[in-house]
């Protein structure tokens, strides 16, 4: 099954850029933005700006089983790239 990757860049409270991918089973940018906002809220960055400018469809791919399970459970998976809290 193909999953859809949305490349996302947002500014944190302290001004640095966080780069992460939102991976979901739906190729819907609006839904990916909502998932990004949900995750950002969970890490205390609820004021970060996330629009079509910050979150864009990148590509579709297969994912490892543990990520697929997370997507089927939560609707999405966040792949942290740069500047994200561990």
N, C-alpha and C. Protein backbone atom coordinates (compact mmCIF):
# COMPACT_ATOMS: atom_id res chain seq x y z
N UNK A 1 0.84 -1.18 0.00
CA UNK A 1 0.00 0.00 0.00
C UNK A 1 0.89 1.24 0.00
N UNK A 2 0.53 2.20 -0.82
CA UNK A 2 1.28 3.46 -0.86
C UNK A 2 0.75 4.42 0.19
N UNK A 3 1.68 5.10 0.83
CA UNK A 3 1.36 6.16 1.79
C UNK A 3 1.90 7.46 1.22
N UNK A 4 1.31 8.56 1.65
CA UNK A 4 1.59 9.85 1.04
C UNK A 4 2.39 10.72 2.01
N UNK A 5 3.46 11.31 1.49
CA UNK A 5 4.41 12.06 2.29
C UNK A 5 4.25 13.56 1.98
N UNK A 6 4.06 14.33 3.05
CA UNK A 6 3.92 15.78 2.93
C UNK A 6 5.12 16.42 3.62
N UNK A 7 5.96 17.06 2.82
CA UNK A 7 7.17 17.71 3.31
C UNK A 7 6.76 19.00 4.02
N UNK A 8 7.18 19.17 5.27
CA UNK A 8 6.69 20.27 6.10
C UNK A 8 7.84 21.00 6.77
N UNK A 9 7.79 22.33 6.68
CA UNK A 9 8.76 23.21 7.32
C UNK A 9 7.99 24.26 8.10
N UNK A 10 8.22 24.37 9.41
CA UNK A 10 7.56 25.39 10.22
C UNK A 10 8.58 26.06 11.14
N UNK A 11 8.28 27.28 11.54
CA UNK A 11 9.11 28.02 12.50
C UNK A 11 8.64 27.70 13.91
N UNK A 12 9.59 27.41 14.78
CA UNK A 12 9.27 27.14 16.18
C UNK A 12 9.15 28.46 16.95
N UNK A 13 8.74 28.35 18.22
CA UNK A 13 8.62 29.54 19.07
C UNK A 13 9.92 30.31 19.15
N UNK A 14 11.04 29.59 19.18
CA UNK A 14 12.33 30.27 19.31
C UNK A 14 12.94 30.67 17.96
N UNK A 15 12.17 30.49 16.89
CA UNK A 15 12.59 31.00 15.58
C UNK A 15 13.36 30.05 14.69
N UNK A 16 13.68 28.85 15.19
CA UNK A 16 14.39 27.92 14.30
C UNK A 16 13.39 27.12 13.45
N UNK A 17 13.88 26.58 12.37
CA UNK A 17 13.02 25.83 11.45
C UNK A 17 12.97 24.37 11.86
N UNK A 18 11.76 23.84 11.92
CA UNK A 18 11.57 22.41 12.13
C UNK A 18 11.15 21.81 10.78
N UNK A 19 11.84 20.76 10.38
CA UNK A 19 11.53 20.06 9.14
C UNK A 19 11.08 18.65 9.50
N UNK A 20 9.88 18.30 9.05
CA UNK A 20 9.36 16.96 9.29
C UNK A 20 8.42 16.57 8.16
N UNK A 21 8.22 15.27 8.02
CA UNK A 21 7.26 14.75 7.04
C UNK A 21 6.03 14.27 7.78
N UNK A 22 4.87 14.59 7.22
CA UNK A 22 3.62 14.01 7.67
C UNK A 22 3.32 12.89 6.69
N UNK A 23 3.19 11.67 7.19
CA UNK A 23 2.92 10.51 6.33
C UNK A 23 1.53 10.00 6.68
N UNK A 24 0.68 9.85 5.66
CA UNK A 24 -0.70 9.45 5.89
C UNK A 24 -1.19 8.57 4.74
N UNK A 25 -2.33 7.93 4.94
CA UNK A 25 -2.89 7.08 3.89
C UNK A 25 -3.80 7.86 2.95
N UNK A 26 -4.05 9.11 3.25
CA UNK A 26 -4.91 9.96 2.41
C UNK A 26 -4.05 11.01 1.71
N UNK A 27 -4.27 11.18 0.42
CA UNK A 27 -3.52 12.19 -0.33
C UNK A 27 -4.32 13.50 -0.31
N UNK A 28 -4.51 14.01 0.91
CA UNK A 28 -5.29 15.23 1.11
C UNK A 28 -4.46 16.22 1.91
N UNK A 29 -4.06 17.30 1.27
CA UNK A 29 -3.19 18.27 1.92
C UNK A 29 -3.84 18.86 3.16
N UNK A 30 -5.13 19.16 3.10
CA UNK A 30 -5.82 19.76 4.25
C UNK A 30 -5.73 18.84 5.47
N UNK A 31 -5.89 17.55 5.25
CA UNK A 31 -5.80 16.59 6.35
C UNK A 31 -4.37 16.52 6.88
N UNK A 32 -3.39 16.55 5.99
CA UNK A 32 -1.98 16.53 6.42
C UNK A 32 -1.68 17.77 7.27
N UNK A 33 -2.22 18.91 6.90
CA UNK A 33 -2.03 20.13 7.68
C UNK A 33 -2.63 19.97 9.07
N UNK A 34 -3.81 19.39 9.16
CA UNK A 34 -4.44 19.15 10.47
C UNK A 34 -3.60 18.20 11.32
N UNK A 35 -3.06 17.17 10.70
CA UNK A 35 -2.19 16.24 11.44
C UNK A 35 -0.93 16.95 11.92
N UNK A 36 -0.35 17.81 11.07
CA UNK A 36 0.83 18.57 11.46
C UNK A 36 0.51 19.46 12.66
N UNK A 37 -0.64 20.13 12.61
CA UNK A 37 -1.04 21.00 13.72
C UNK A 37 -1.25 20.20 15.01
N UNK A 38 -1.86 19.02 14.88
CA UNK A 38 -2.09 18.16 16.05
C UNK A 38 -0.76 17.77 16.69
N UNK A 39 0.19 17.36 15.86
CA UNK A 39 1.50 16.96 16.38
C UNK A 39 2.22 18.15 17.00
N UNK A 40 2.18 19.30 16.32
CA UNK A 40 2.84 20.49 16.85
C UNK A 40 2.26 20.88 18.21
N UNK A 41 0.96 20.77 18.36
CA UNK A 41 0.32 21.06 19.65
C UNK A 41 0.85 20.11 20.72
N UNK A 42 1.05 18.85 20.35
CA UNK A 42 1.51 17.84 21.32
C UNK A 42 2.93 18.12 21.81
N UNK A 43 3.70 18.90 21.06
CA UNK A 43 5.06 19.22 21.48
C UNK A 43 5.18 20.67 21.96
N UNK A 44 4.03 21.33 22.17
CA UNK A 44 4.05 22.68 22.71
C UNK A 44 4.28 23.77 21.68
N UNK A 45 4.07 23.46 20.41
CA UNK A 45 4.28 24.44 19.33
C UNK A 45 2.94 24.74 18.63
N UNK A 46 1.86 24.85 19.43
CA UNK A 46 0.53 25.04 18.85
C UNK A 46 0.37 26.33 18.06
N UNK A 47 1.25 27.31 18.25
CA UNK A 47 1.14 28.58 17.52
C UNK A 47 1.91 28.59 16.21
N UNK A 48 2.58 27.49 15.88
CA UNK A 48 3.34 27.42 14.63
C UNK A 48 2.39 27.53 13.43
N UNK A 49 2.80 28.29 12.45
CA UNK A 49 2.01 28.49 11.23
C UNK A 49 2.17 27.28 10.31
N UNK A 50 1.03 26.68 9.95
CA UNK A 50 1.03 25.55 9.01
C UNK A 50 -0.06 25.80 7.98
N UNK A 51 0.37 26.08 6.75
CA UNK A 51 -0.56 26.31 5.64
C UNK A 51 -0.06 25.50 4.44
N UNK A 52 -0.68 25.74 3.29
CA UNK A 52 -0.22 25.09 2.05
C UNK A 52 1.21 25.48 1.70
N UNK A 53 1.68 26.61 2.21
CA UNK A 53 3.06 27.03 1.97
C UNK A 53 4.05 26.19 2.76
N UNK A 54 3.69 25.78 3.98
CA UNK A 54 4.60 25.04 4.86
C UNK A 54 4.48 23.53 4.71
N UNK A 55 3.36 23.04 4.22
CA UNK A 55 3.09 21.59 4.16
C UNK A 55 2.64 21.24 2.75
N UNK A 56 3.52 20.55 2.01
CA UNK A 56 3.23 20.24 0.61
C UNK A 56 3.41 18.75 0.32
N UNK A 57 2.53 18.24 -0.53
CA UNK A 57 2.68 16.86 -0.97
C UNK A 57 4.03 16.70 -1.66
N UNK A 58 4.74 15.63 -1.32
CA UNK A 58 6.07 15.38 -1.88
C UNK A 58 6.06 14.14 -2.78
N UNK A 59 5.66 12.99 -2.23
CA UNK A 59 5.66 11.75 -2.99
C UNK A 59 4.87 10.68 -2.24
N UNK A 60 4.70 9.54 -2.89
CA UNK A 60 4.06 8.38 -2.26
C UNK A 60 5.09 7.26 -2.17
N UNK A 61 4.95 6.44 -1.11
CA UNK A 61 5.92 5.37 -0.91
C UNK A 61 5.34 4.28 -0.01
N UNK A 62 6.01 3.14 0.00
CA UNK A 62 5.72 2.11 0.99
C UNK A 62 6.42 2.49 2.28
N UNK A 63 5.92 2.00 3.41
CA UNK A 63 6.55 2.30 4.70
C UNK A 63 6.75 0.99 5.47
N UNK A 64 7.67 0.99 6.44
CA UNK A 64 7.84 -0.20 7.28
C UNK A 64 6.56 -0.50 8.06
N UNK A 65 6.42 -1.75 8.47
CA UNK A 65 5.21 -2.21 9.14
C UNK A 65 4.87 -1.39 10.39
N UNK A 66 5.87 -1.04 11.21
CA UNK A 66 5.58 -0.29 12.44
C UNK A 66 5.00 1.09 12.14
N UNK A 67 5.44 1.72 11.04
CA UNK A 67 4.88 3.02 10.64
C UNK A 67 3.47 2.83 10.10
N UNK A 68 3.26 1.78 9.32
CA UNK A 68 1.93 1.50 8.79
C UNK A 68 0.93 1.28 9.93
N UNK A 69 1.34 0.57 10.97
CA UNK A 69 0.46 0.34 12.13
C UNK A 69 0.12 1.67 12.80
N UNK A 70 1.11 2.54 12.97
CA UNK A 70 0.87 3.86 13.56
C UNK A 70 -0.11 4.67 12.72
N UNK A 71 0.04 4.62 11.40
CA UNK A 71 -0.86 5.35 10.51
C UNK A 71 -2.27 4.79 10.61
N UNK A 72 -2.40 3.48 10.65
CA UNK A 72 -3.72 2.87 10.75
C UNK A 72 -4.38 3.14 12.10
N UNK A 73 -3.56 3.36 13.13
CA UNK A 73 -4.08 3.64 14.47
C UNK A 73 -4.40 5.12 14.65
N UNK A 74 -3.46 5.98 14.28
CA UNK A 74 -3.58 7.43 14.54
C UNK A 74 -3.99 8.25 13.33
N UNK A 75 -3.87 7.68 12.15
CA UNK A 75 -4.18 8.41 10.93
C UNK A 75 -2.95 9.00 10.26
N UNK A 76 -1.85 9.09 11.02
CA UNK A 76 -0.64 9.69 10.46
C UNK A 76 0.58 9.25 11.24
N UNK A 77 1.74 9.55 10.66
CA UNK A 77 3.03 9.35 11.32
C UNK A 77 3.88 10.57 11.01
N UNK A 78 4.61 11.05 12.00
CA UNK A 78 5.53 12.17 11.81
C UNK A 78 6.95 11.63 11.73
N UNK A 79 7.60 11.91 10.63
CA UNK A 79 9.01 11.55 10.45
C UNK A 79 9.82 12.82 10.68
N UNK A 80 10.50 12.89 11.82
CA UNK A 80 11.27 14.08 12.19
C UNK A 80 12.55 14.12 11.38
N UNK A 81 12.81 15.29 10.79
CA UNK A 81 14.01 15.44 9.95
C UNK A 81 15.04 16.33 10.64
N UNK A 82 14.75 17.64 10.73
CA UNK A 82 15.71 18.57 11.29
C UNK A 82 15.01 19.53 12.24
N UNK A 83 15.66 19.85 13.35
CA UNK A 83 15.17 20.86 14.27
C UNK A 83 13.97 20.46 15.11
N UNK A 84 13.61 19.18 15.09
CA UNK A 84 12.46 18.70 15.86
C UNK A 84 12.92 18.13 17.20
N UNK A 85 12.11 18.29 18.23
CA UNK A 85 12.48 17.69 19.52
C UNK A 85 12.47 16.18 19.42
N UNK A 86 13.37 15.55 20.14
CA UNK A 86 13.42 14.10 20.15
C UNK A 86 12.40 13.59 21.08
